[in-house]
Amino acid sequence: MRVLVLGGDGYLGWPTALHLSAVGHHVMVVDNFARRGYDDELGATSLVPIAPLDRRIDAWRAVSGRTIESCAGDLVDPVFTHNAIERFGPDAIVHFAEQRSAPYSMIDQAHAVYTQTNNVVGTLNVLYAIAELNPAIHLIKLGSMGEYGTPNIDIEEGWLEVHHNGRRDRMLYPKRPGSFYHLSKVHDSHNIEFACRTWGLAATDLNQGIVYGQETEETRRHRDLSTRFDYDAVFGTVLNRMVVQAVCGHPLTVYGTGGQTRGMLDIRDTVECIRLACEHPAGPGEFRVFNQFTEEFSIRSIASMIQRAAGDGASVVMIDDPRVEAEEHYYHAAHSALLDLGLQPHYLEDTLVESLLSIARRHRHHADASLFVPSVQWRATASPVGPRAHTLVA
């Protein structure tokens, strides 16, 4: 297949591109390198150094004999988006090209507006390009389990059978997201479903849980193939952050009571889920939703697991939750579709040392403990204007 990976320089986009190339697909990556710019803005950096995209592509060609094409540009530009898709002629498009951090979207008005403009407009441009060029292209869009929020009922895979006043209907599962970032994902989902229903497009919405880990079979083959390892309080997911805290001798910071429960999966399972979705496409007019995670954990249980695995007396400290969220809640989400397609999961307790702790120990000299501290407060409304905000939007 010809697979276009949007956001192919990012944490998950890059290892996905490698994985698809390794199994024989012809891959092109598109990126505007905004994620690298966020590091400059925030004064943060990946724990594991990452190479520029051209060097990554050269390293992959050297170790695999396979070529990955690349194209630099911004999906918010409709002309660029149309031309990139027309030039490559993909069978499938894997769409990672969005601002992916909830805290980043909550910094202030400018960051909220940027997040929604970048994410929603970019996806709309992709939908229009597919409809105009080739409606048979299968769109695989990375959504988020955070779209659902924490309802007091079971979470289904995207759709819900509703019985009301003696009638029944099948409708999109109601969403209650917890940040402007997650809201952008909800808007994407509704726009994609509308395009499938109206234009006959084929799409798979992968509502992904929290991804942990940094290495895949492909990225291990050369240091220039490494992907990011974010551990800061803005872009670092909770597992990655706590593991780095543990190896640095810093207390593991738990927000609130730690009863927040989330679906999670290993980065190796992420890239395999995307391969499975590519190779088993949705049909014309079909908007299907897969909940992409393998296990559910509370934040408290994650901290306890890391304490046991680290084995060096790591302590845990509860801090005020900077977010507005339920700290204790019911959580049970269906996630069988990808398992039915053949996913063979990695489980955290079996792989924590290998997938996270050993990598964090190897690179802990790059860690900056000041980045552990949450700096974004959901209840605060920071100034919406200023030189950095204007630079960001530009």
Protein backbone atom coordinates (compact mmCIF):
# COMPACT_ATOMS: atom_id res chain seq x y z
CA MET A 1 0.00 0.00 0.00
CA ARG A 2 0.92 3.64 -0.37
CA VAL A 3 0.52 5.21 3.08
CA LEU A 4 0.82 8.92 3.82
CA VAL A 5 1.72 9.63 7.46
CA LEU A 6 0.75 13.15 8.50
CA GLY A 7 2.79 14.36 11.45
CA GLY A 8 5.42 11.79 10.55
CA ASP A 9 8.24 13.53 12.45
CA GLY A 10 6.45 13.26 15.81
CA TYR A 11 6.56 10.96 18.83
CA LEU A 12 4.19 8.39 17.30
CA GLY A 13 4.20 9.43 13.65
CA TRP A 14 7.87 8.60 13.14
CA PRO A 15 7.85 5.04 14.59
CA THR A 16 4.58 4.41 12.74
CA ALA A 17 6.21 5.40 9.45
CA LEU A 18 9.12 3.04 10.19
CA HIS A 19 6.82 0.16 11.14
CA LEU A 20 4.71 0.51 7.99
CA SER A 21 7.83 0.75 5.84
CA ALA A 22 9.37 -2.28 7.54
CA VAL A 23 6.39 -4.49 6.62
CA GLY A 24 6.61 -3.44 2.98
CA HIS A 25 4.37 -0.41 2.52
CA HIS A 26 5.50 2.64 0.53
CA VAL A 27 5.49 5.54 2.99
CA MET A 28 5.67 9.31 2.75
CA VAL A 29 5.74 11.54 5.85
CA VAL A 30 4.43 15.09 6.03
CA ASP A 31 5.28 17.50 8.85
CA ASN A 32 5.57 21.21 9.57
CA PHE A 33 7.96 20.56 12.52
CA ALA A 34 5.76 22.52 14.92
CA ARG A 35 6.37 19.94 17.66
CA ARG A 36 10.09 20.76 17.67
CA GLY A 37 9.12 24.41 17.95
CA TYR A 38 7.03 23.77 21.06
CA ASP A 39 10.21 22.61 22.80
CA ASP A 40 11.88 25.93 22.00
CA GLU A 41 8.84 27.82 23.27
CA LEU A 42 8.61 25.86 26.54
CA GLY A 43 12.34 25.49 27.21
CA ALA A 44 12.00 21.70 27.19
CA THR A 45 13.57 18.89 25.22
CA SER A 46 13.21 15.16 24.68
CA LEU A 47 14.98 13.00 27.25
CA VAL A 48 16.32 10.92 24.35
CA PRO A 49 17.99 13.10 21.69
CA ILE A 50 16.30 12.95 18.28
CA ALA A 51 17.86 13.49 14.87
CA PRO A 52 16.56 15.85 12.17
CA LEU A 53 14.09 14.22 9.79
CA ASP A 54 16.49 14.02 6.82
CA ARG A 55 19.06 12.20 8.98
CA ARG A 56 16.38 9.84 10.27
CA ILE A 57 15.37 8.97 6.72
CA ASP A 58 19.00 8.42 5.68
CA ALA A 59 19.55 6.12 8.68
CA TRP A 60 16.46 4.08 7.81
CA ARG A 61 17.61 3.67 4.23
CA ALA A 62 21.03 2.54 5.49
CA VAL A 63 19.73 -0.12 7.89
CA SER A 64 16.70 -1.34 5.93
CA GLY A 65 17.38 -0.62 2.26
CA ARG A 66 13.95 1.01 2.11
CA THR A 67 13.09 4.61 1.28
CA ILE A 68 10.66 6.88 3.11
CA GLU A 69 9.65 10.00 1.21
CA SER A 70 9.09 13.31 2.97
CA CYS A 71 7.30 16.58 2.37
CA ALA A 72 7.37 19.69 4.59
CA GLY A 73 4.25 21.81 4.94
CA ASP A 74 1.22 22.75 7.01
CA LEU A 75 -2.22 21.10 6.72
CA VAL A 76 -3.87 24.41 7.61
CA ASP A 77 -2.85 25.48 4.08
CA PRO A 78 -5.51 23.85 1.84
CA VAL A 79 -3.41 24.17 -1.33
CA PHE A 80 -0.44 22.42 0.25
CA THR A 81 -2.67 19.68 1.65
CA HIS A 82 -4.39 19.06 -1.69
CA ASN A 83 -1.08 19.02 -3.60
CA ALA A 84 0.69 16.70 -1.13
CA ILE A 85 -2.11 14.13 -1.29
CA GLU A 86 -2.40 14.43 -5.07
CA ARG A 87 1.36 14.06 -5.55
CA PHE A 88 1.70 10.91 -3.45
CA GLY A 89 -1.57 9.23 -4.37
CA PRO A 90 -2.06 7.28 -1.12
CA ASP A 91 -4.27 4.28 -0.50
CA ALA A 92 -4.40 5.27 3.17
CA ILE A 93 -3.67 8.40 5.20
CA VAL A 94 -2.59 8.12 8.84
CA HIS A 95 -3.29 11.45 10.52
CA PHE A 96 -1.16 12.37 13.56
CA ALA A 97 -0.58 16.00 12.54
CA GLU A 98 -2.19 17.79 15.47
CA GLN A 99 -1.15 19.66 18.60
CA ARG A 100 -1.48 16.79 21.07
CA SER A 101 -1.15 18.22 24.57
CA ALA A 102 -4.08 19.03 26.87
CA PRO A 103 -1.96 21.30 29.13
CA TYR A 104 -0.57 23.17 26.11
CA SER A 105 -4.10 23.90 24.93
CA MET A 106 -4.99 25.30 28.37
CA ILE A 107 -2.08 27.76 28.75
CA ASP A 108 -4.13 30.74 27.61
CA GLN A 109 -6.53 31.93 24.92
CA ALA A 110 -3.88 32.04 22.20
CA HIS A 111 -2.87 28.42 22.79
CA ALA A 112 -6.49 27.26 22.90
CA VAL A 113 -7.29 29.05 19.64
CA TYR A 114 -4.10 27.77 18.01
CA THR A 115 -4.86 24.18 19.07
CA GLN A 116 -8.39 24.22 17.71
CA THR A 117 -7.47 26.06 14.50
CA ASN A 118 -4.50 23.81 13.79
CA ASN A 119 -6.32 20.58 14.58
CA VAL A 120 -9.83 21.17 13.27
CA VAL A 121 -8.96 23.19 10.14
CA GLY A 122 -6.11 20.85 9.22
CA THR A 123 -8.40 17.83 9.41
CA LEU A 124 -11.11 19.59 7.41
CA ASN A 125 -8.57 20.31 4.67
CA VAL A 126 -7.60 16.64 4.60
CA LEU A 127 -11.25 15.61 4.30
CA TYR A 128 -11.88 17.99 1.42
CA ALA A 129 -8.74 16.85 -0.39
CA ILE A 130 -9.75 13.20 -0.08
CA ALA A 131 -13.28 13.93 -1.31
CA GLU A 132 -12.00 15.88 -4.31
CA LEU A 133 -9.09 13.62 -5.29
CA ASN A 134 -10.07 10.06 -4.37
CA PRO A 135 -12.91 9.20 -1.95
CA ALA A 136 -11.59 5.64 -1.75
CA ILE A 137 -8.58 6.76 0.33
CA HIS A 138 -8.92 5.28 3.81
CA LEU A 139 -8.40 7.91 6.52
CA ILE A 140 -6.99 6.61 9.81
CA LYS A 141 -7.32 9.44 12.30
CA LEU A 142 -5.75 9.44 15.75
CA GLY A 143 -8.39 10.46 18.24
CA SER A 144 -8.25 10.19 22.01
CA MET A 145 -9.96 8.26 24.78
CA GLY A 146 -10.10 11.66 26.47
CA GLU A 147 -12.92 12.60 24.10
CA TYR A 148 -15.30 10.50 26.21
CA GLY A 149 -14.40 11.99 29.57
CA THR A 150 -15.41 9.86 32.56
CA PRO A 151 -19.11 8.96 32.17
CA ASN A 152 -20.85 6.93 34.85
CA ILE A 153 -21.72 4.26 32.27
CA ASP A 154 -19.63 1.90 30.17
CA ILE A 155 -17.80 3.50 27.24
CA GLU A 156 -18.51 1.77 23.94
CA GLU A 157 -16.38 1.89 20.79
CA GLY A 158 -17.61 5.16 19.36
CA TRP A 159 -21.32 4.37 18.97
CA LEU A 160 -24.19 3.91 21.40
CA GLU A 161 -27.56 2.17 21.00
CA VAL A 162 -30.13 4.47 22.60
CA HIS A 163 -33.66 3.56 23.68
CA HIS A 164 -35.82 6.58 24.47
CA ASN A 165 -39.60 6.94 24.79
CA GLY A 166 -40.22 3.65 23.05
CA ARG A 167 -37.87 4.33 20.12
CA ARG A 168 -34.29 3.35 19.43
CA ASP A 169 -31.39 4.78 17.45
CA ARG A 170 -27.66 4.32 16.97
CA MET A 171 -25.72 7.51 17.55
CA LEU A 172 -22.20 8.68 18.28
CA TYR A 173 -21.31 8.09 21.91
CA PRO A 174 -21.82 11.36 23.84
CA LYS A 175 -18.56 13.15 24.59
CA ARG A 176 -17.52 15.20 27.61
CA PRO A 177 -13.86 16.13 27.03
CA GLY A 178 -11.68 17.80 29.65
CA SER A 179 -9.56 20.29 27.69
CA PHE A 180 -9.60 22.45 24.58
CA TYR A 181 -7.25 19.88 23.01
CA HIS A 182 -9.70 17.05 23.65
CA LEU A 183 -12.54 19.24 22.39
CA SER A 184 -10.63 19.64 19.11
CA LYS A 185 -10.57 15.85 18.81
CA VAL A 186 -14.34 15.70 19.36
CA HIS A 187 -14.86 18.29 16.61
CA ASP A 188 -12.63 16.19 14.33
CA SER A 189 -14.66 13.06 15.03
CA HIS A 190 -17.93 14.77 14.21
CA ASN A 191 -16.52 16.32 11.04
CA ILE A 192 -15.13 12.98 9.86
CA GLU A 193 -18.39 11.13 10.58
CA PHE A 194 -20.27 13.81 8.64
CA ALA A 195 -17.89 13.45 5.66
CA CYS A 196 -18.33 9.67 5.66
CA ARG A 197 -22.11 9.95 5.87
CA THR A 198 -22.38 12.75 3.30
CA TRP A 199 -19.56 12.10 0.83
CA GLY A 200 -19.12 8.34 1.21
CA LEU A 201 -15.58 8.54 2.63
CA ALA A 202 -14.04 5.66 4.57
CA ALA A 203 -12.50 6.43 7.97
CA THR A 204 -11.26 4.78 11.13
CA ASP A 205 -11.17 6.94 14.25
CA LEU A 206 -8.63 5.47 16.66
CA ASN A 207 -9.50 6.74 20.13
CA GLN A 208 -6.11 6.20 21.64
CA GLY A 209 -5.29 5.86 25.31
CA ILE A 210 -2.14 7.18 26.98
CA VAL A 211 0.90 5.85 25.15
CA TYR A 212 4.04 4.95 27.08
CA GLY A 213 7.48 3.82 26.01
CA GLN A 214 10.03 5.06 23.52
CA GLU A 215 11.45 2.12 21.59
CA THR A 216 10.03 -0.08 18.85
CA GLU A 217 11.69 -2.90 16.94
CA GLU A 218 12.53 -0.42 14.17
CA THR A 219 13.78 2.53 16.25
CA ARG A 220 16.24 0.24 18.07
CA ARG A 221 18.16 -0.38 14.85
CA HIS A 222 20.09 2.93 14.90
CA ARG A 223 20.33 5.83 17.33
CA ASP A 224 19.28 8.26 14.58
CA LEU A 225 15.95 6.40 14.38
CA SER A 226 15.03 7.26 17.98
CA THR A 227 11.69 8.88 18.69
CA ARG A 228 10.90 11.40 21.40
CA PHE A 229 10.71 10.74 25.15
CA ASP A 230 8.72 13.61 26.66
CA TYR A 231 8.67 13.82 30.46
CA ASP A 232 7.76 17.45 31.17
CA ALA A 233 4.46 18.53 32.73
CA VAL A 234 3.10 19.89 29.44
CA PHE A 235 3.86 17.15 26.89
CA GLY A 236 5.07 14.27 29.04
CA THR A 237 2.44 11.61 29.71
CA VAL A 238 2.03 10.52 33.31
CA LEU A 239 3.91 7.22 33.00
CA ASN A 240 6.88 8.71 31.20
CA ARG A 241 7.06 11.58 33.70
CA MET A 242 6.91 9.36 36.79
CA VAL A 243 9.56 6.99 35.46
CA VAL A 244 11.98 9.87 34.89
CA GLN A 245 11.16 11.23 38.34
CA ALA A 246 11.97 7.81 39.83
CA VAL A 247 15.37 7.45 38.16
CA CYS A 248 16.27 11.04 39.14
CA GLY A 249 15.44 10.42 42.81
CA HIS A 250 12.51 12.84 42.65
CA PRO A 251 9.17 12.07 44.32
CA LEU A 252 6.52 10.75 41.94
CA THR A 253 3.90 13.49 41.65
CA VAL A 254 0.29 12.31 41.75
CA TYR A 255 -2.37 14.89 40.92
CA GLY A 256 -5.13 15.01 43.52
CA THR A 257 -6.15 11.67 44.99
CA GLY A 258 -4.77 9.67 42.04
CA GLY A 259 -8.04 7.87 41.41
CA GLN A 260 -8.15 9.12 37.81
CA THR A 261 -8.30 5.99 35.64
CA ARG A 262 -7.17 5.89 32.03
CA GLY A 263 -6.66 3.41 29.21
CA MET A 264 -3.00 2.91 28.29
CA LEU A 265 -0.86 1.09 25.75
CA ASP A 266 2.75 0.44 24.82
CA ILE A 267 4.18 2.37 21.86
CA ARG A 268 4.84 -0.96 20.13
CA ASP A 269 1.12 -1.70 20.29
CA THR A 270 0.32 1.75 18.89
CA VAL A 271 2.26 1.18 15.68
CA GLU A 272 0.81 -2.31 15.30
CA CYS A 273 -2.75 -1.02 15.80
CA ILE A 274 -2.21 1.43 12.96
CA ARG A 275 -0.84 -1.30 10.71
CA LEU A 276 -3.90 -3.44 11.43
CA ALA A 277 -6.24 -0.54 10.69
CA CYS A 278 -4.42 0.17 7.40
CA GLU A 279 -4.52 -3.43 6.24
CA HIS A 280 -8.18 -3.94 7.26
CA PRO A 281 -9.79 -0.72 5.98
CA ALA A 282 -13.23 0.71 6.61
CA GLY A 283 -15.70 0.46 3.76
CA PRO A 284 -17.13 3.32 1.66
CA GLY A 285 -19.32 5.57 3.78
CA GLU A 286 -18.22 3.84 6.98
CA PHE A 287 -17.09 5.78 10.04
CA ARG A 288 -15.79 3.19 12.46
CA VAL A 289 -14.31 3.82 15.88
CA PHE A 290 -11.76 1.64 17.67
CA ASN A 291 -10.81 2.32 21.28
CA GLN A 292 -7.05 1.87 21.09
CA PHE A 293 -5.69 0.80 24.46
CA THR A 294 -4.81 -2.47 26.14
CA GLU A 295 -5.08 -1.88 29.92
CA GLU A 296 -6.74 0.48 32.41
CA PHE A 297 -4.89 1.92 35.41
CA SER A 298 -5.50 4.53 38.06
CA ILE A 299 -2.73 7.07 38.57
CA ARG A 300 -2.23 5.73 42.12
CA SER A 301 -1.68 2.21 40.81
CA ILE A 302 0.82 3.46 38.23
CA ALA A 303 2.82 5.20 40.94
CA SER A 304 2.83 2.02 43.06
CA MET A 305 3.93 -0.09 40.09
CA ILE A 306 6.82 2.26 39.33
CA GLN A 307 7.85 2.26 42.99
CA ARG A 308 8.08 -1.53 42.97
CA ALA A 309 9.85 -1.76 39.61
CA ALA A 310 12.36 1.03 40.31
CA GLY A 311 13.42 -0.66 43.55
CA ASP A 312 15.35 2.37 44.79
CA GLY A 313 13.03 3.83 47.39
CA ALA A 314 11.06 6.16 45.14
CA SER A 315 8.54 8.17 47.14
CA VAL A 316 5.10 9.42 46.12
CA VAL A 317 3.70 12.88 46.84
CA MET A 318 0.11 13.99 46.27
CA ILE A 319 -0.16 17.54 44.88
CA ASP A 320 -3.14 19.74 44.09
CA ASP A 321 -4.64 18.75 40.76
CA PRO A 322 -4.01 21.55 38.23
CA ARG A 323 -6.81 20.16 36.03
CA VAL A 324 -10.57 20.22 36.46
CA GLU A 325 -11.42 16.51 36.48
CA ALA A 326 -13.02 13.81 38.58
CA GLU A 327 -10.33 12.38 40.83
CA GLU A 328 -12.42 9.29 41.70
CA HIS A 329 -14.81 7.88 39.11
CA TYR A 330 -16.23 4.82 37.36
CA TYR A 331 -14.30 3.75 34.26
CA HIS A 332 -14.95 0.80 32.01
CA ALA A 333 -14.33 1.07 28.28
CA ALA A 334 -14.76 -1.48 25.51
CA HIS A 335 -11.66 -2.16 23.42
CA SER A 336 -12.13 -5.41 21.54
CA ALA A 337 -12.03 -4.37 17.87
CA LEU A 338 -8.25 -4.25 17.49
CA LEU A 339 -7.81 -7.44 19.50
CA ASP A 340 -10.25 -9.08 17.10
CA LEU A 341 -8.05 -7.94 14.20
CA GLY A 342 -5.07 -9.73 15.76
CA LEU A 343 -3.33 -7.31 18.13
CA GLN A 344 -1.00 -9.15 20.53
CA PRO A 345 -0.59 -6.68 23.41
CA HIS A 346 2.41 -5.89 25.56
CA TYR A 347 1.46 -5.52 29.22
CA LEU A 348 2.93 -2.84 31.44
CA GLU A 349 3.87 -4.97 34.43
CA ASP A 350 5.82 -7.31 32.12
CA THR A 351 7.63 -4.57 30.19
CA LEU A 352 7.99 -1.57 32.54
CA VAL A 353 11.69 -2.08 33.19
CA GLU A 354 12.51 -2.77 29.54
CA SER A 355 10.20 -0.23 27.89
CA LEU A 356 10.71 2.69 30.27
CA LEU A 357 13.00 2.40 33.28
CA SER A 358 16.09 1.16 31.44
CA ILE A 359 15.76 3.92 28.83
CA ALA A 360 15.21 6.61 31.47
CA ARG A 361 18.25 5.46 33.45
CA ARG A 362 20.41 5.51 30.32
CA HIS A 363 19.45 9.10 29.51
CA ARG A 364 18.71 10.60 32.93
CA HIS A 365 21.64 13.03 32.60
CA HIS A 366 19.45 14.92 30.10
CA ALA A 367 16.60 15.37 32.60
CA ASP A 368 15.65 18.79 33.96
CA ALA A 369 13.75 18.37 37.24
CA SER A 370 12.23 21.86 36.95
CA LEU A 371 10.07 20.54 34.08
CA PHE A 372 8.28 18.08 36.39
CA VAL A 373 6.29 20.87 38.06
CA PRO A 374 2.86 21.53 36.52
CA SER A 375 2.78 25.12 35.29
CA VAL A 376 -0.65 25.20 33.62
CA GLN A 377 -3.78 25.63 35.74
CA TRP A 378 -7.16 24.78 34.20
CA ARG A 379 -8.96 27.31 36.43
CA ALA A 380 -6.64 30.19 35.56
CA THR A 381 -7.04 32.38 32.49
CA ALA A 382 -3.62 33.68 31.52
CA SER A 383 -3.21 36.72 29.30
CA PRO A 384 -4.38 35.90 25.76
CA VAL A 385 -1.97 38.27 24.05
CA GLY A 386 1.73 39.03 24.01
CA PRO A 387 4.77 38.52 21.81
CA ARG A 388 5.02 34.76 22.39
CA ALA A 389 1.35 34.23 21.65
CA HIS A 390 1.67 36.09 18.36
CA THR A 391 4.80 34.14 17.46
CA LEU A 392 2.98 30.90 18.23
CA VAL A 393 0.03 31.66 15.98
CA ALA A 394 2.30 32.86 13.17
